[in-house]
């Protein structure tokens, strides 16, 4: 009888550990997905705006111009 109680406790511990690992993986996946979404939106917004309107965009324009 005592062994049955211990094995049931171990099964519960395994189930809890599995559940925690799954929650950690889901949380990490959400962080990665959110980061990628922010980068996608940021990249999309930059493509819509011409470089002249970016902050300090004059350096980008000057880099392509010839200095005589």
PDB file of N, CA and C in Angstrom:
ATOM      1  N   UNK A   1       0.817  -1.184   0.000  1.00  0.00           N
ATOM      2  CA  UNK A   1       0.000   0.000   0.000  1.00  0.00           C
ATOM      3  C   UNK A   1       0.870   1.260   0.000  1.00  0.00           C
ATOM      4  N   UNK A   2       1.918   1.237   0.769  1.00  0.00           N
ATOM      5  CA  UNK A   2       2.806   2.389   0.865  1.00  0.00           C
ATOM      6  C   UNK A   2       3.474   2.678  -0.469  1.00  0.00           C
ATOM      7  N   UNK A   3       3.843   1.634  -1.205  1.00  0.00           N
ATOM      8  CA  UNK A   3       4.458   1.818  -2.512  1.00  0.00           C
ATOM      9  C   UNK A   3       3.479   2.445  -3.499  1.00  0.00           C
ATOM     10  N   UNK A   4       2.221   2.097  -3.394  1.00  0.00           N
ATOM     11  CA  UNK A   4       1.216   2.663  -4.287  1.00  0.00           C
ATOM     12  C   UNK A   4       1.082   4.164  -4.057  1.00  0.00           C
ATOM     13  N   UNK A   5       1.175   4.599  -2.829  1.00  0.00           N
ATOM     14  CA  UNK A   5       1.068   6.023  -2.519  1.00  0.00           C
ATOM     15  C   UNK A   5       2.293   6.754  -3.058  1.00  0.00           C
ATOM     16  N   UNK A   6       3.481   6.173  -2.880  1.00  0.00           N
ATOM     17  CA  UNK A   6       4.697   6.815  -3.378  1.00  0.00           C
ATOM     18  C   UNK A   6       4.704   6.892  -4.897  1.00  0.00           C
ATOM     19  N   UNK A   7       4.279   5.839  -5.564  1.00  0.00           N
ATOM     20  CA  UNK A   7       4.282   5.868  -7.028  1.00  0.00           C
ATOM     21  C   UNK A   7       3.254   6.860  -7.552  1.00  0.00           C
ATOM     22  N   UNK A   8       2.130   6.993  -6.860  1.00  0.00           N
ATOM     23  CA  UNK A   8       1.132   7.981  -7.264  1.00  0.00           C
ATOM     24  C   UNK A   8       1.695   9.386  -7.088  1.00  0.00           C
ATOM     25  N   UNK A   9       2.447   9.598  -6.029  1.00  0.00           N
ATOM     26  CA  UNK A   9       3.060  10.903  -5.808  1.00  0.00           C
ATOM     27  C   UNK A   9       4.091  11.218  -6.867  1.00  0.00           C
ATOM     28  N   UNK A  10       4.857  10.200  -7.288  1.00  0.00           N
ATOM     29  CA  UNK A  10       5.847  10.420  -8.336  1.00  0.00           C
ATOM     30  C   UNK A  10       5.167  10.739  -9.662  1.00  0.00           C
ATOM     31  N   UNK A  11       4.072  10.084  -9.943  1.00  0.00           N
ATOM     32  CA  UNK A  11       3.335  10.355 -11.188  1.00  0.00           C
ATOM     33  C   UNK A  11       2.797  11.782 -11.184  1.00  0.00           C
ATOM     34  N   UNK A  12       2.309  12.214 -10.041  1.00  0.00           N
ATOM     35  CA  UNK A  12       1.824  13.589  -9.953  1.00  0.00           C
ATOM     36  C   UNK A  12       2.974  14.576 -10.136  1.00  0.00           C
ATOM     37  N   UNK A  13       4.124  14.272  -9.577  1.00  0.00           N
ATOM     38  CA  UNK A  13       5.278  15.149  -9.727  1.00  0.00           C
ATOM     39  C   UNK A  13       5.726  15.196 -11.182  1.00  0.00           C
ATOM     40  N   UNK A  14       5.691  14.036 -11.846  1.00  0.00           N
ATOM     41  CA  UNK A  14       6.058  14.009 -13.265  1.00  0.00           C
ATOM     42  C   UNK A  14       5.066  14.817 -14.090  1.00  0.00           C
ATOM     43  N   UNK A  15       3.794  14.696 -13.769  1.00  0.00           N
ATOM     44  CA  UNK A  15       2.771  15.443 -14.508  1.00  0.00           C
ATOM     45  C   UNK A  15       2.930  16.941 -14.277  1.00  0.00           C
ATOM     46  N   UNK A  16       3.254  17.319 -13.043  1.00  0.00           N
ATOM     47  CA  UNK A  16       3.451  18.742 -12.756  1.00  0.00           C
ATOM     48  C   UNK A  16       4.694  19.264 -13.465  1.00  0.00           C
ATOM     49  N   UNK A  17       5.762  18.482 -13.472  1.00  0.00           N
ATOM     50  CA  UNK A  17       6.985  18.906 -14.165  1.00  0.00           C
ATOM     51  C   UNK A  17       6.736  19.026 -15.661  1.00  0.00           C
ATOM     52  N   UNK A  18       5.999  18.088 -16.222  1.00  0.00           N
ATOM     53  CA  UNK A  18       5.674  18.136 -17.652  1.00  0.00           C
ATOM     54  C   UNK A  18       4.829  19.362 -17.965  1.00  0.00           C
ATOM     55  N   UNK A  19       3.871  19.668 -17.074  1.00  0.00           N
ATOM     56  CA  UNK A  19       3.003  20.826 -17.277  1.00  0.00           C
ATOM     57  C   UNK A  19       3.811  22.125 -17.197  1.00  0.00           C
ATOM     58  N   UNK A  20       4.745  22.210 -16.234  1.00  0.00           N
ATOM     59  CA  UNK A  20       5.582  23.410 -16.121  1.00  0.00           C
ATOM     60  C   UNK A  20       6.472  23.582 -17.345  1.00  0.00           C
ATOM     61  N   UNK A  21       7.037  22.476 -17.813  1.00  0.00           N
ATOM     62  CA  UNK A  21       7.890  22.557 -19.003  1.00  0.00           C
ATOM     63  C   UNK A  21       7.078  23.012 -20.211  1.00  0.00           C
ATOM     64  N   UNK A  22       5.860  22.524 -20.322  1.00  0.00           N
ATOM     65  CA  UNK A  22       4.999  22.927 -21.427  1.00  0.00           C
ATOM     66  C   UNK A  22       4.649  24.409 -21.330  1.00  0.00           C
ATOM     67  N   UNK A  23       4.381  24.884 -20.122  1.00  0.00           N
ATOM     68  CA  UNK A  23       4.070  26.303 -19.934  1.00  0.00           C
ATOM     69  C   UNK A  23       5.274  27.174 -20.263  1.00  0.00           C
ATOM     70  N   UNK A  24       6.481  26.728 -19.867  1.00  0.00           N
ATOM     71  CA  UNK A  24       7.692  27.481 -20.205  1.00  0.00           C
ATOM     72  C   UNK A  24       7.893  27.542 -21.702  1.00  0.00           C
ATOM     73  N   UNK A  25       7.667  26.417 -22.385  1.00  0.00           N
ATOM     74  CA  UNK A  25       7.826  26.385 -23.842  1.00  0.00           C
ATOM     75  C   UNK A  25       6.804  27.295 -24.520  1.00  0.00           C
ATOM     76  N   UNK A  26       5.572  27.273 -24.033  1.00  0.00           N
ATOM     77  CA  UNK A  26       4.552  28.146 -24.609  1.00  0.00           C
ATOM     78  C   UNK A  26       4.899  29.612 -24.387  1.00  0.00           C
ATOM     79  N   UNK A  27       5.405  29.948 -23.198  1.00  0.00           N
ATOM     80  CA  UNK A  27       5.785  31.328 -22.908  1.00  0.00           C
ATOM     81  C   UNK A  27       6.934  31.774 -23.810  1.00  0.00           C
ATOM     82  N   UNK A  28       7.924  30.894 -23.994  1.00  0.00           N
ATOM     83  CA  UNK A  28       9.054  31.222 -24.870  1.00  0.00           C
ATOM     84  C   UNK A  28       8.577  31.390 -26.306  1.00  0.00           C
ATOM     85  N   UNK A  29       7.671  30.537 -26.741  1.00  0.00           N
ATOM     86  CA  UNK A  29       7.134  30.665 -28.100  1.00  0.00           C
ATOM     87  C   UNK A  29       6.391  31.988 -28.286  1.00  0.00           C
ATOM     88  N   UNK A  30       5.664  32.412 -27.260  1.00  0.00           N
ATOM     89  CA  UNK A  30       4.946  33.686 -27.356  1.00  0.00           C
ATOM     90  C   UNK A  30       5.915  34.863 -27.418  1.00  0.00           C
ATOM     91  N   UNK A  31       7.006  34.797 -26.670  1.00  0.00           N
ATOM     92  CA  UNK A  31       8.000  35.876 -26.701  1.00  0.00           C
ATOM     93  C   UNK A  31       8.650  35.936 -28.072  1.00  0.00           C
ATOM     94  N   UNK A  32       9.017  34.782 -28.611  1.00  0.00           N
ATOM     95  CA  UNK A  32       9.649  34.745 -29.936  1.00  0.00           C
ATOM     96  C   UNK A  32       8.674  35.251 -31.003  1.00  0.00           C
ATOM     97  N   UNK A  33       7.429  34.800 -30.950  1.00  0.00           N
ATOM     98  CA  UNK A  33       6.437  35.221 -31.937  1.00  0.00           C
ATOM     99  C   UNK A  33       6.170  36.728 -31.836  1.00  0.00           C
ATOM    100  N   UNK A  34       6.088  37.250 -30.624  1.00  0.00           N
ATOM    101  CA  UNK A  34       5.850  38.685 -30.447  1.00  0.00           C
ATOM    102  C   UNK A  34       7.021  39.503 -30.972  1.00  0.00           C
ATOM    103  N   UNK A  35       8.239  39.044 -30.705  1.00  0.00           N
ATOM    104  CA  UNK A  35       9.417  39.744 -31.193  1.00  0.00           C
ATOM    105  C   UNK A  35       9.448  39.766 -32.711  1.00  0.00           C
ATOM    106  N   UNK A  36       9.179  38.628 -33.324  1.00  0.00           N
ATOM    107  CA  UNK A  36       9.166  38.571 -34.783  1.00  0.00           C
ATOM    108  C   UNK A  36       8.074  39.455 -35.375  1.00  0.00           C
ATOM    109  N   UNK A  37       6.928  39.496 -34.722  1.00  0.00           N
ATOM    110  CA  UNK A  37       5.842  40.344 -35.206  1.00  0.00           C
ATOM    111  C   UNK A  37       6.211  41.822 -35.118  1.00  0.00           C
ATOM    112  N   UNK A  38       6.834  42.218 -34.014  1.00  0.00           N
ATOM    113  CA  UNK A  38       7.266  43.615 -33.878  1.00  0.00           C
ATOM    114  C   UNK A  38       8.293  43.956 -34.941  1.00  0.00           C
ATOM    115  N   UNK A  39       9.254  43.067 -35.173  1.00  0.00           N
ATOM    116  CA  UNK A  39      10.263  43.318 -36.202  1.00  0.00           C
ATOM    117  C   UNK A  39       9.632  43.381 -37.592  1.00  0.00           C
ATOM    118  N   UNK A  40       8.650  42.539 -37.846  1.00  0.00           N
ATOM    119  CA  UNK A  40       7.963  42.563 -39.133  1.00  0.00           C
ATOM    120  C   UNK A  40       7.232  43.883 -39.334  1.00  0.00           C
ATOM    121  N   UNK A  41       6.516  44.327 -38.316  1.00  0.00           N
ATOM    122  CA  UNK A  41       5.776  45.587 -38.418  1.00  0.00           C
ATOM    123  C   UNK A  41       6.750  46.755 -38.556  1.00  0.00           C
ATOM    124  N   UNK A  42       7.859  46.733 -37.794  1.00  0.00           N
ATOM    125  CA  UNK A  42       8.844  47.793 -37.883  1.00  0.00           C
ATOM    126  C   UNK A  42       9.461  47.838 -39.284  1.00  0.00           C
ATOM    127  N   UNK A  43       9.808  46.689 -39.827  1.00  0.00           N
ATOM    128  CA  UNK A  43      10.363  46.633 -41.179  1.00  0.00           C
ATOM    129  C   UNK A  43       9.365  47.103 -42.222  1.00  0.00           C
ATOM    130  N   UNK A  44       8.111  46.754 -42.046  1.00  0.00           N
ATOM    131  CA  UNK A  44       7.067  47.172 -42.981  1.00  0.00           C
ATOM    132  C   UNK A  44       6.881  48.686 -42.918  1.00  0.00           C
ATOM    133  N   UNK A  45       6.920  49.263 -41.708  1.00  0.00           N
ATOM    134  CA  UNK A  45       6.748  50.705 -41.559  1.00  0.00           C
ATOM    135  C   UNK A  45       7.931  51.453 -42.169  1.00  0.00           C
ATOM    136  N   UNK A  46       9.129  50.917 -42.036  1.00  0.00           N
ATOM    137  CA  UNK A  46      10.300  51.579 -42.614  1.00  0.00           C
ATOM    138  C   UNK A  46      10.228  51.563 -44.136  1.00  0.00           C
ATOM    139  N   UNK A  47       9.727  50.476 -44.698  1.00  0.00           N
ATOM    140  CA  UNK A  47       9.622  50.407 -46.159  1.00  0.00           C
ATOM    141  C   UNK A  47       8.603  51.410 -46.692  1.00  0.00           C
ATOM    142  N   UNK A  48       7.609  51.757 -45.893  1.00  0.00           N
ATOM    143  CA  UNK A  48       6.596  52.711 -46.345  1.00  0.00           C
ATOM    144  C   UNK A  48       7.116  54.151 -46.327  1.00  0.00           C
ATOM    145  N   UNK A  49       8.001  54.439 -45.390  1.00  0.00           N
ATOM    146  CA  UNK A  49       8.499  55.814 -45.256  1.00  0.00           C
ATOM    147  C   UNK A  49       9.780  55.968 -46.068  1.00  0.00           C
ATOM    148  N   UNK A  50       9.894  57.035 -46.844  1.00  0.00           N
ATOM    149  CA  UNK A  50      11.137  57.267 -47.576  1.00  0.00           C
ATOM    150  C   UNK A  50      12.268  57.596 -46.605  1.00  0.00           C
ATOM    151  N   UNK A  51      13.506  57.268 -46.980  1.00  0.00           N
ATOM    152  CA  UNK A  51      14.632  57.502 -46.055  1.00  0.00           C
ATOM    153  C   UNK A  51      14.803  58.961 -45.656  1.00  0.00           C
ATOM    154  N   UNK A  52      14.349  59.887 -46.454  1.00  0.00           N
ATOM    155  CA  UNK A  52      14.520  61.304 -46.118  1.00  0.00           C
ATOM    156  C   UNK A  52      13.714  61.692 -44.887  1.00  0.00           C
ATOM    157  N   UNK A  53      12.665  60.956 -44.572  1.00  0.00           N
ATOM    158  CA  UNK A  53      11.831  61.298 -43.419  1.00  0.00           C
ATOM    159  C   UNK A  53      12.260  60.568 -42.154  1.00  0.00           C
ATOM    160  N   UNK A  54      13.238  59.678 -42.240  1.00  0.00           N
ATOM    161  CA  UNK A  54      13.717  58.981 -41.050  1.00  0.00           C
ATOM    162  C   UNK A  54      14.504  59.950 -40.188  1.00  0.00           C
ATOM    163  N   UNK A  55      14.550  59.713 -38.893  1.00  0.00           N
ATOM    164  CA  UNK A  55      15.399  60.557 -38.040  1.00  0.00           C
ATOM    165  C   UNK A  55      16.862  60.410 -38.468  1.00  0.00           C
ATOM    166  N   UNK A  56      17.532  61.502 -38.609  1.00  0.00           N
ATOM    167  CA  UNK A  56      18.928  61.538 -39.063  1.00  0.00           C
ATOM    168  C   UNK A  56      19.080  60.914 -40.442  1.00  0.00           C
ATOM    169  N   UNK A  57      18.054  61.029 -41.253  1.00  0.00           N
ATOM    170  CA  UNK A  57      18.095  60.468 -42.590  1.00  0.00           C
ATOM    171  C   UNK A  57      19.036  61.203 -43.517  1.00  0.00           C
ATOM    172  N   UNK A  58      19.473  62.402 -43.130  1.00  0.00           N
ATOM    173  CA  UNK A  58      20.384  63.158 -43.987  1.00  0.00           C
ATOM    174  C   UNK A  58      21.721  62.435 -44.137  1.00  0.00           C
ATOM    175  N   UNK A  59      22.113  61.660 -43.138  1.00  0.00           N
ATOM    176  CA  UNK A  59      23.344  60.887 -43.268  1.00  0.00           C
ATOM    177  C   UNK A  59      23.200  59.801 -44.325  1.00  0.00           C
ATOM    178  N   UNK A  60      22.016  59.205 -44.406  1.00  0.00           N
ATOM    179  CA  UNK A  60      21.790  58.161 -45.401  1.00  0.00           C
ATOM    180  C   UNK A  60      21.816  58.746 -46.809  1.00  0.00           C
ATOM    181  N   UNK A  61      21.246  59.930 -46.961  1.00  0.00           N
ATOM    182  CA  UNK A  61      21.239  60.579 -48.266  1.00  0.00           C
ATOM    183  C   UNK A  61      22.648  61.028 -48.625  1.00  0.00           C
ATOM    184  N   UNK A  62      23.377  61.563 -47.650  1.00  0.00           N
ATOM    185  CA  UNK A  62      24.722  62.052 -47.906  1.00  0.00           C
ATOM    186  C   UNK A  62      25.691  60.906 -48.212  1.00  0.00           C
ATOM    187  N   UNK A  63      25.423  59.735 -47.688  1.00  0.00           N
ATOM    188  CA  UNK A  63      26.323  58.603 -47.940  1.00  0.00           C
ATOM    189  C   UNK A  63      26.289  58.206 -49.405  1.00  0.00           C
ATOM    190  N   UNK A  64      25.148  58.384 -50.052  1.00  0.00           N
ATOM    191  CA  UNK A  64      25.026  58.011 -51.471  1.00  0.00           C
ATOM    192  C   UNK A  64      25.466  59.122 -52.407  1.00  0.00           C
ATOM    193  N   UNK A  65      25.593  60.352 -51.904  1.00  0.00           N
ATOM    194  CA  UNK A  65      25.960  61.480 -52.747  1.00  0.00           C
ATOM    195  C   UNK A  65      27.488  61.559 -52.875  1.00  0.00           C
ATOM    196  N   UNK A  66      27.940  62.044 -54.002  1.00  0.00           N
ATOM    197  CA  UNK A  66      29.377  62.222 -54.212  1.00  0.00           C
ATOM    198  C   UNK A  66      29.817  63.524 -53.579  1.00  0.00           C
ATOM    199  N   UNK A  67      30.935  63.477 -52.910  1.00  0.00           N
ATOM    200  CA  UNK A  67      31.494  64.678 -52.298  1.00  0.00           C
ATOM    201  C   UNK A  67      32.632  65.162 -53.206  1.00  0.00           C
ATOM    202  N   UNK A  68      32.431  66.316 -53.800  1.00  0.00           N
ATOM    203  CA  UNK A  68      33.419  66.814 -54.758  1.00  0.00           C
ATOM    204  C   UNK A  68      34.285  67.868 -54.124  1.00  0.00           C
TER     205      UNK A  68
END
